[in-house]
Structure formats: C-alpha cells, structure tokens
Amino acid sequence: MSDQQHQVSKPVYKVVVLQLFIAVAFASFAAFMRGTGAGYSAAYGGAIAVIGSWFYAMLVVGASKDAERVLKAHVRAEMVKIFITAVLFVLALVLFPSAAWLWLMMGFAVATLAYWFSLLLV
C-alpha cells in the first residue's frame, strides 16, 4: 500500500470503527432498557449498517488519483453496499423471525447516522 493510500485508508477505516463503537453502545443500551431480545435486534441492525460501510471502505480505499476512476469506485462501492444491506435485511426476515423489528430498525438507523456524523469528525 502506497503512502497516499495509507493516508486515505486510515480515516476511512476510522469512520467504520467509530460507527461500530456507536452501534455496540446502542445495542447495549437497548439490552439494558428492554432486555436481551431488543439488544440482539439492535445489534443485528447496527451490524447491517457496519458491514455495508466496511465493504464500501474496502472498495474505495484502492481508488486512484484519476477523478473518473474515483467516481466509478464510489458508485460501485455504493451499489455493493446497497446490495449487501438488502441481503442482510432479507436474512434477518428469514433467520431472525423473533426479532424486535423496531429495535432492529433503530439499530440500523443509529449506526447509519453514526456513519454520517463520524464523517464530520474524521
């Protein structure tokens, strides 16, 4: 990894780590307030957002200096992120039917908001 790529990758992965920390904190809060079912549901929702962001970060870090390639990398990464998010929500429906859906959606929303606010901090 070149020095320039390393300079780009560090803040990108910091965003994902901060998002993960906030998702875990929210899942812990949900478990404390409403029990383990709500905590697991919030954790799964947060995990959906974090996994999508992680894949996005992995695909974008290798982008070059060329503006057209950077744009294509971001578009491709966003499409992959949307696809992974949809697949994980479908898996939640199939594999986790006892989920507290309100907490799952709140976990996803909090982790997604954490992603956008962490971009301001990094």
C-alpha atoms as a PDB file:
ATOM      1  CA  MET A   1       0.000   0.000   0.000  1.00  0.00           C
ATOM      2  CA  SER A   2       1.446   3.335  -1.019  1.00  0.00           C
ATOM      3  CA  ASP A   3       1.837   6.204   1.408  1.00  0.00           C
ATOM      4  CA  GLN A   4      -1.040   8.082  -0.243  1.00  0.00           C
ATOM      5  CA  GLN A   5      -3.362   5.069   0.005  1.00  0.00           C
ATOM      6  CA  HIS A   6      -2.372   4.642   3.647  1.00  0.00           C
ATOM      7  CA  GLN A   7      -3.214   8.311   4.315  1.00  0.00           C
ATOM      8  CA  VAL A   8      -6.655   7.742   2.757  1.00  0.00           C
ATOM      9  CA  SER A   9      -7.348   4.358   4.333  1.00  0.00           C
ATOM     10  CA  LYS A  10      -6.714   5.407   7.934  1.00  0.00           C
ATOM     11  CA  PRO A  11      -9.574   7.966   8.134  1.00  0.00           C
ATOM     12  CA  VAL A  12     -11.887   5.734   6.077  1.00  0.00           C
ATOM     13  CA  TYR A  13     -11.482   2.841   8.487  1.00  0.00           C
ATOM     14  CA  LYS A  14     -11.708   5.218  11.477  1.00  0.00           C
ATOM     15  CA  VAL A  15     -15.231   6.070  10.308  1.00  0.00           C
ATOM     16  CA  VAL A  16     -16.195   2.381  10.251  1.00  0.00           C
ATOM     17  CA  VAL A  17     -14.641   1.741  13.687  1.00  0.00           C
ATOM     18  CA  LEU A  18     -16.457   4.730  15.175  1.00  0.00           C
ATOM     19  CA  GLN A  19     -19.690   3.509  13.585  1.00  0.00           C
ATOM     20  CA  LEU A  20     -19.120   0.057  15.095  1.00  0.00           C
ATOM     21  CA  PHE A  21     -18.471   1.551  18.539  1.00  0.00           C
ATOM     22  CA  ILE A  22     -21.707   3.561  18.425  1.00  0.00           C
ATOM     23  CA  ALA A  23     -23.690   0.550  17.166  1.00  0.00           C
ATOM     24  CA  VAL A  24     -22.383  -1.593  20.045  1.00  0.00           C
ATOM     25  CA  ALA A  25     -23.134   1.171  22.542  1.00  0.00           C
ATOM     26  CA  PHE A  26     -26.694   1.486  21.245  1.00  0.00           C
ATOM     27  CA  ALA A  27     -27.224  -2.290  21.326  1.00  0.00           C
ATOM     28  CA  SER A  28     -26.000  -2.314  24.930  1.00  0.00           C
ATOM     29  CA  PHE A  29     -28.408   0.494  25.753  1.00  0.00           C
ATOM     30  CA  ALA A  30     -31.274  -1.408  24.112  1.00  0.00           C
ATOM     31  CA  ALA A  31     -30.399  -4.566  26.053  1.00  0.00           C
ATOM     32  CA  PHE A  32     -30.266  -2.594  29.306  1.00  0.00           C
ATOM     33  CA  MET A  33     -33.559  -0.797  28.662  1.00  0.00           C
ATOM     34  CA  ARG A  34     -35.676  -3.558  27.057  1.00  0.00           C
ATOM     35  CA  GLY A  35     -33.851  -6.854  27.548  1.00  0.00           C
ATOM     36  CA  THR A  36     -31.615  -9.128  25.544  1.00  0.00           C
ATOM     37  CA  GLY A  37     -34.075  -9.562  22.638  1.00  0.00           C
ATOM     38  CA  ALA A  38     -34.049  -5.834  21.965  1.00  0.00           C
ATOM     39  CA  GLY A  39     -30.278  -5.770  22.409  1.00  0.00           C
ATOM     40  CA  TYR A  40     -29.712  -8.564  19.888  1.00  0.00           C
ATOM     41  CA  SER A  41     -32.119  -6.927  17.457  1.00  0.00           C
ATOM     42  CA  ALA A  42     -30.389  -3.550  17.760  1.00  0.00           C
ATOM     43  CA  ALA A  43     -27.010  -5.258  17.376  1.00  0.00           C
ATOM     44  CA  TYR A  44     -28.140  -7.006  14.192  1.00  0.00           C
ATOM     45  CA  GLY A  45     -29.478  -3.739  12.783  1.00  0.00           C
ATOM     46  CA  GLY A  46     -26.232  -1.987  13.636  1.00  0.00           C
ATOM     47  CA  ALA A  47     -24.244  -4.849  12.130  1.00  0.00           C
ATOM     48  CA  ILE A  48     -26.118  -4.471   8.849  1.00  0.00           C
ATOM     49  CA  ALA A  49     -25.020  -0.838   8.612  1.00  0.00           C
ATOM     50  CA  VAL A  50     -21.442  -1.523   9.741  1.00  0.00           C
ATOM     51  CA  ILE A  51     -20.908  -4.452   7.356  1.00  0.00           C
ATOM     52  CA  GLY A  52     -22.137  -2.360   4.423  1.00  0.00           C
ATOM     53  CA  SER A  53     -19.843   0.501   5.405  1.00  0.00           C
ATOM     54  CA  TRP A  54     -16.895  -1.853   5.796  1.00  0.00           C
ATOM     55  CA  PHE A  55     -17.362  -3.220   2.273  1.00  0.00           C
ATOM     56  CA  TYR A  56     -17.715   0.334   0.970  1.00  0.00           C
ATOM     57  CA  ALA A  57     -14.464   1.322   2.671  1.00  0.00           C
ATOM     58  CA  MET A  58     -12.622  -1.704   1.294  1.00  0.00           C
ATOM     59  CA  LEU A  59     -13.700  -0.916  -2.266  1.00  0.00           C
ATOM     60  CA  VAL A  60     -12.963   2.814  -2.097  1.00  0.00           C
ATOM     61  CA  VAL A  61      -9.537   2.752  -0.439  1.00  0.00           C
ATOM     62  CA  GLY A  62      -7.792   1.424  -3.532  1.00  0.00           C
ATOM     63  CA  ALA A  63      -9.074   4.205  -5.800  1.00  0.00           C
ATOM     64  CA  SER A  64      -6.524   6.111  -7.858  1.00  0.00           C
ATOM     65  CA  LYS A  65      -5.911   9.819  -8.399  1.00  0.00           C
ATOM     66  CA  ASP A  66      -7.933   9.848 -11.609  1.00  0.00           C
ATOM     67  CA  ALA A  67     -11.281  11.549 -10.919  1.00  0.00           C
ATOM     68  CA  GLU A  68     -13.222   9.279 -13.268  1.00  0.00           C
ATOM     69  CA  ARG A  69     -11.864   6.140 -11.595  1.00  0.00           C
ATOM     70  CA  VAL A  70     -12.565   7.552  -8.150  1.00  0.00           C
ATOM     71  CA  LEU A  71     -16.162   8.297  -9.136  1.00  0.00           C
ATOM     72  CA  LYS A  72     -16.590   4.801 -10.595  1.00  0.00           C
ATOM     73  CA  ALA A  73     -15.116   3.264  -7.424  1.00  0.00           C
ATOM     74  CA  HIS A  74     -17.562   5.212  -5.234  1.00  0.00           C
ATOM     75  CA  VAL A  75     -20.557   4.312  -7.393  1.00  0.00           C
ATOM     76  CA  ARG A  76     -19.557   0.644  -7.455  1.00  0.00           C
ATOM     77  CA  ALA A  77     -18.943   0.668  -3.696  1.00  0.00           C
ATOM     78  CA  GLU A  78     -22.348   2.244  -3.035  1.00  0.00           C
ATOM     79  CA  MET A  79     -24.101  -0.346  -5.216  1.00  0.00           C
ATOM     80  CA  VAL A  80     -22.330  -3.152  -3.342  1.00  0.00           C
ATOM     81  CA  LYS A  81     -23.257  -1.531  -0.019  1.00  0.00           C
ATOM     82  CA  ILE A  82     -26.938  -1.290  -1.010  1.00  0.00           C
ATOM     83  CA  PHE A  83     -26.953  -4.906  -2.229  1.00  0.00           C
ATOM     84  CA  ILE A  84     -25.319  -6.195   0.967  1.00  0.00           C
ATOM     85  CA  THR A  85     -27.738  -4.175   3.097  1.00  0.00           C
ATOM     86  CA  ALA A  86     -30.742  -5.610   1.242  1.00  0.00           C
ATOM     87  CA  VAL A  87     -29.408  -9.169   1.519  1.00  0.00           C
ATOM     88  CA  LEU A  88     -28.775  -8.783   5.252  1.00  0.00           C
ATOM     89  CA  PHE A  89     -32.287  -7.422   5.829  1.00  0.00           C
ATOM     90  CA  VAL A  90     -33.763 -10.374   3.922  1.00  0.00           C
ATOM     91  CA  LEU A  91     -31.630 -12.730   6.015  1.00  0.00           C
ATOM     92  CA  ALA A  92     -32.963 -11.024   9.127  1.00  0.00           C
ATOM     93  CA  LEU A  93     -36.518 -11.728   7.967  1.00  0.00           C
ATOM     94  CA  VAL A  94     -35.725 -15.376   7.271  1.00  0.00           C
ATOM     95  CA  LEU A  95     -33.274 -16.288  10.028  1.00  0.00           C
ATOM     96  CA  PHE A  96     -34.363 -13.983  12.829  1.00  0.00           C
ATOM     97  CA  PRO A  97     -38.191 -14.040  12.838  1.00  0.00           C
ATOM     98  CA  SER A  98     -38.382 -13.318  16.574  1.00  0.00           C
ATOM     99  CA  ALA A  99     -36.502 -10.040  16.153  1.00  0.00           C
ATOM    100  CA  ALA A 100     -37.837  -6.917  17.774  1.00  0.00           C
ATOM    101  CA  TRP A 101     -38.141  -5.075  14.462  1.00  0.00           C
ATOM    102  CA  LEU A 102     -38.426  -1.631  15.989  1.00  0.00           C
ATOM    103  CA  TRP A 103     -35.078  -2.117  17.756  1.00  0.00           C
ATOM    104  CA  LEU A 104     -33.513  -3.676  14.662  1.00  0.00           C
ATOM    105  CA  MET A 105     -34.504  -0.672  12.548  1.00  0.00           C
ATOM    106  CA  MET A 106     -33.403   1.730  15.288  1.00  0.00           C
ATOM    107  CA  GLY A 107     -30.032  -0.042  15.496  1.00  0.00           C
ATOM    108  CA  PHE A 108     -29.643   0.319  11.738  1.00  0.00           C
ATOM    109  CA  ALA A 109     -30.711   3.983  11.826  1.00  0.00           C
ATOM    110  CA  VAL A 110     -28.385   4.864  14.713  1.00  0.00           C
ATOM    111  CA  ALA A 111     -25.430   3.143  13.034  1.00  0.00           C
ATOM    112  CA  THR A 112     -26.202   4.844   9.725  1.00  0.00           C
ATOM    113  CA  LEU A 113     -26.442   8.247  11.416  1.00  0.00           C
ATOM    114  CA  ALA A 114     -23.205   7.489  13.244  1.00  0.00           C
ATOM    115  CA  TYR A 115     -21.577   6.885   9.863  1.00  0.00           C
ATOM    116  CA  TRP A 116     -22.640  10.283   8.553  1.00  0.00           C
ATOM    117  CA  PHE A 117     -21.736  12.165  11.747  1.00  0.00           C
ATOM    118  CA  SER A 118     -18.386  10.374  12.048  1.00  0.00           C
ATOM    119  CA  LEU A 119     -17.521  11.676   8.559  1.00  0.00           C
ATOM    120  CA  LEU A 120     -17.644  15.142  10.115  1.00  0.00           C
ATOM    121  CA  LEU A 121     -15.205  14.143  12.870  1.00  0.00           C
ATOM    122  CA  VAL A 122     -12.589  12.336  10.810  1.00  0.00           C
END
